[in-house]
């Protein structure tokens, strides 16, 4: 059902999405990144890697998965990867499933969005696996390019990164290979990035 008021309601959702702050500091700034910036960066990086590495993945799906993958955080909030409270980490899936239901109720006229979120969470196709793995690497790349400030501020170690990220990026061999190259770079620059 077409409705100008629904367009305005969706614009409000995008504004709410922009208000969800992540832990990552924006390069050369004291401001924290928001979910819109992260999703856009993820989409662009997915497109770039798919194109330059000639992976042959469906770019349309990559864009949709990357842009929608964290939209549930409007209602569930962002869950920091290294959160100290295990109960917050344990409740992430349930909170995000409930948030997906809220999204469906608020935007029943947009079934494609709900299907994309559902397919992303199932991780059955190559594109969803690729975006899922890249989602774990993109913040590491951004923090690396910012000299490791977010890691030092939050007392994240290289061992923590490897322990938490390697099993998750393994879902896609191309991203796993990129992450391994990144880890080698982090190991060489460890003192500056993590102990400055």
Protein backbone atom coordinates (compact mmCIF):
# COMPACT_ATOMS: atom_id res chain seq x y z
CA UNK A 1 0.00 0.00 0.00
CA UNK A 2 1.50 3.28 -1.12
CA UNK A 3 1.36 6.13 1.37
CA UNK A 4 3.26 9.37 1.77
CA UNK A 5 2.82 9.08 5.53
CA UNK A 6 4.53 5.66 5.42
CA UNK A 7 7.46 7.27 3.58
CA UNK A 8 7.74 9.80 6.40
CA UNK A 9 7.55 6.99 8.95
CA UNK A 10 10.39 5.18 7.16
CA UNK A 11 12.45 8.38 7.12
CA UNK A 12 11.92 8.52 10.89
CA UNK A 13 13.23 4.95 11.11
CA UNK A 14 16.38 5.96 9.22
CA UNK A 15 16.84 8.85 11.65
CA UNK A 16 16.47 6.43 14.57
CA UNK A 17 19.01 4.15 12.89
CA UNK A 18 21.43 7.06 12.64
CA UNK A 19 20.99 7.67 16.39
CA UNK A 20 22.26 4.17 17.30
CA UNK A 21 25.86 4.70 18.38
CA UNK A 22 28.52 2.05 18.18
CA UNK A 23 31.70 1.79 20.29
CA UNK A 24 34.03 2.56 17.37
CA UNK A 25 35.50 6.06 17.28
CA UNK A 26 35.26 7.82 13.92
CA UNK A 27 38.73 8.30 12.42
CA UNK A 28 40.43 11.46 13.65
CA UNK A 29 37.41 12.37 15.80
CA UNK A 30 36.14 11.83 19.34
CA UNK A 31 32.68 11.07 17.94
CA UNK A 32 31.44 7.49 17.91
CA UNK A 33 30.32 5.88 14.66
CA UNK A 34 26.60 5.31 14.17
CA UNK A 35 24.79 2.37 12.58
CA UNK A 36 24.06 4.22 9.32
CA UNK A 37 27.75 5.02 8.83
CA UNK A 38 28.71 1.42 9.62
CA UNK A 39 26.10 -0.05 7.26
CA UNK A 40 27.10 2.29 4.43
CA UNK A 41 30.80 1.49 4.94
CA UNK A 42 30.02 -2.23 4.97
CA UNK A 43 27.98 -1.94 1.74
CA UNK A 44 30.69 -0.01 -0.07
CA UNK A 45 33.46 -2.33 1.12
CA UNK A 46 31.43 -5.40 0.11
CA UNK A 47 30.91 -3.95 -3.37
CA UNK A 48 34.58 -3.03 -3.67
CA UNK A 49 35.90 -6.44 -2.61
CA UNK A 50 33.36 -8.33 -4.71
CA UNK A 51 34.28 -6.27 -7.77
CA UNK A 52 38.07 -6.07 -7.40
CA UNK A 53 38.53 -9.67 -6.26
CA UNK A 54 36.12 -10.75 -9.03
CA UNK A 55 34.12 -12.95 -6.64
CA UNK A 56 30.97 -13.00 -8.76
CA UNK A 57 28.58 -12.42 -5.87
CA UNK A 58 25.22 -10.74 -6.43
CA UNK A 59 25.91 -7.05 -5.75
CA UNK A 60 22.22 -6.22 -5.26
CA UNK A 61 22.02 -8.79 -2.45
CA UNK A 62 25.29 -7.58 -0.93
CA UNK A 63 23.93 -4.03 -0.77
CA UNK A 64 20.63 -5.09 0.73
CA UNK A 65 22.21 -7.37 3.34
CA UNK A 66 24.78 -4.74 4.32
CA UNK A 67 22.30 -1.89 4.54
CA UNK A 68 19.66 -3.85 6.47
CA UNK A 69 21.75 -6.20 8.63
CA UNK A 70 21.75 -3.96 11.74
CA UNK A 71 18.39 -2.23 11.26
CA UNK A 72 16.94 -4.25 14.15
CA UNK A 73 19.31 -2.30 16.42
CA UNK A 74 16.87 0.62 16.23
CA UNK A 75 14.77 -1.41 18.69
CA UNK A 76 17.36 -3.82 20.14
CA UNK A 77 20.33 -1.47 20.54
CA UNK A 78 23.90 -2.18 19.47
CA UNK A 79 25.67 -4.97 21.34
CA UNK A 80 29.36 -4.26 21.71
CA UNK A 81 31.40 -7.28 20.55
CA UNK A 82 33.55 -7.21 23.70
CA UNK A 83 30.81 -6.33 26.17
CA UNK A 84 31.84 -7.23 29.72
CA UNK A 85 28.34 -8.34 30.79
CA UNK A 86 27.77 -11.86 29.45
CA UNK A 87 24.00 -11.56 29.95
CA UNK A 88 23.93 -8.68 27.42
CA UNK A 89 25.80 -10.83 24.90
CA UNK A 90 23.56 -13.82 25.64
CA UNK A 91 20.37 -11.77 25.12
CA UNK A 92 21.45 -10.32 21.76
CA UNK A 93 19.72 -12.88 19.54
CA UNK A 94 16.44 -12.73 21.45
CA UNK A 95 16.42 -8.92 21.51
CA UNK A 96 17.12 -8.79 17.78
CA UNK A 97 14.42 -11.35 16.97
CA UNK A 98 11.90 -9.30 18.95
CA UNK A 99 13.11 -6.15 17.18
CA UNK A 100 12.60 -7.82 13.79
CA UNK A 101 8.99 -8.49 14.78
CA UNK A 102 8.53 -4.83 15.74
CA UNK A 103 9.92 -3.82 12.34
CA UNK A 104 7.45 -6.16 10.60
CA UNK A 105 4.56 -4.69 12.58
CA UNK A 106 5.58 -1.11 11.83
CA UNK A 107 6.35 -1.70 8.13
CA UNK A 108 4.09 -4.51 6.85
CA UNK A 109 4.10 -2.87 3.40
CA UNK A 110 7.85 -3.65 3.03
CA UNK A 111 8.04 -7.48 3.03
CA UNK A 112 11.27 -7.42 1.00
CA UNK A 113 13.08 -5.76 3.92
CA UNK A 114 11.87 -8.39 6.35
CA UNK A 115 12.85 -11.20 3.99
CA UNK A 116 16.36 -9.72 3.56
CA UNK A 117 16.84 -9.51 7.34
CA UNK A 118 15.57 -13.08 7.74
CA UNK A 119 17.81 -14.43 4.95
CA UNK A 120 20.82 -12.59 6.36
CA UNK A 121 20.26 -14.15 9.78
CA UNK A 122 19.94 -17.65 8.27
CA UNK A 123 23.28 -17.25 6.40
CA UNK A 124 22.43 -19.85 3.77
CA UNK A 125 23.60 -18.06 0.62
CA UNK A 126 27.11 -16.95 -0.28
CA UNK A 127 26.19 -13.26 -0.14
CA UNK A 128 24.86 -13.39 3.43
CA UNK A 129 27.90 -15.36 4.59
CA UNK A 130 30.20 -12.85 2.89
CA UNK A 131 28.47 -9.81 4.45
CA UNK A 132 28.32 -11.51 7.87
CA UNK A 133 32.06 -12.20 7.81
CA UNK A 134 32.91 -8.76 6.43
CA UNK A 135 30.75 -7.19 9.16
CA UNK A 136 33.19 -8.65 11.68
CA UNK A 137 36.23 -7.32 9.79
CA UNK A 138 35.09 -3.85 8.70
CA UNK A 139 35.33 -2.34 12.21
CA UNK A 140 38.80 -3.86 12.65
CA UNK A 141 39.91 -2.25 9.39
CA UNK A 142 38.47 1.10 10.48
CA UNK A 143 40.08 0.99 13.92
CA UNK A 144 43.37 -0.06 12.36
CA UNK A 145 43.28 2.94 9.99
CA UNK A 146 42.61 5.14 13.05
CA UNK A 147 45.75 3.88 14.78
CA UNK A 148 44.01 1.58 17.26
CA UNK A 149 42.44 4.29 19.45
CA UNK A 150 39.20 2.39 20.03
CA UNK A 151 41.12 -0.74 21.08
CA UNK A 152 43.29 1.15 23.55
CA UNK A 153 40.33 3.07 24.96
CA UNK A 154 38.35 -0.15 25.53
CA UNK A 155 41.33 -2.30 26.54
CA UNK A 156 40.90 -4.70 23.60
CA UNK A 157 43.89 -6.94 22.95
CA UNK A 158 44.99 -8.59 19.73
CA UNK A 159 44.36 -11.98 21.34
CA UNK A 160 40.79 -10.92 22.11
CA UNK A 161 40.29 -9.88 18.49
CA UNK A 162 41.64 -13.15 17.14
CA UNK A 163 39.68 -15.30 19.61
CA UNK A 164 36.38 -13.57 18.92
CA UNK A 165 36.67 -12.84 15.21
CA UNK A 166 38.50 -15.77 13.56
CA UNK A 167 35.69 -18.33 14.14
CA UNK A 168 33.09 -15.88 12.81
CA UNK A 169 34.98 -14.79 9.68
CA UNK A 170 35.68 -18.44 8.82
CA UNK A 171 32.18 -18.62 7.31
CA UNK A 172 33.61 -16.99 4.14
CA UNK A 173 37.00 -18.10 2.79
CA UNK A 174 37.69 -14.81 0.98
CA UNK A 175 37.05 -12.68 4.04
CA UNK A 176 38.95 -15.15 6.24
CA UNK A 177 41.97 -14.71 3.98
CA UNK A 178 41.68 -10.90 4.13
CA UNK A 179 41.35 -11.06 7.90
CA UNK A 180 44.47 -13.22 8.16
CA UNK A 181 46.42 -10.59 6.20
CA UNK A 182 45.03 -7.94 8.55
CA UNK A 183 46.03 -9.95 11.64
CA UNK A 184 49.59 -10.24 10.29
CA UNK A 185 49.66 -6.45 9.90
CA UNK A 186 48.30 -5.99 13.42
CA UNK A 187 50.95 -8.32 14.82
CA UNK A 188 53.73 -6.30 13.14
CA UNK A 189 52.34 -3.02 14.51
CA UNK A 190 51.14 -4.42 17.84
CA UNK A 191 53.02 -2.04 20.13
CA UNK A 192 51.67 1.10 18.45
CA UNK A 193 48.10 -0.16 17.99
CA UNK A 194 47.45 -1.76 21.36
CA UNK A 195 49.98 -0.40 23.89
CA UNK A 196 50.65 3.24 22.96
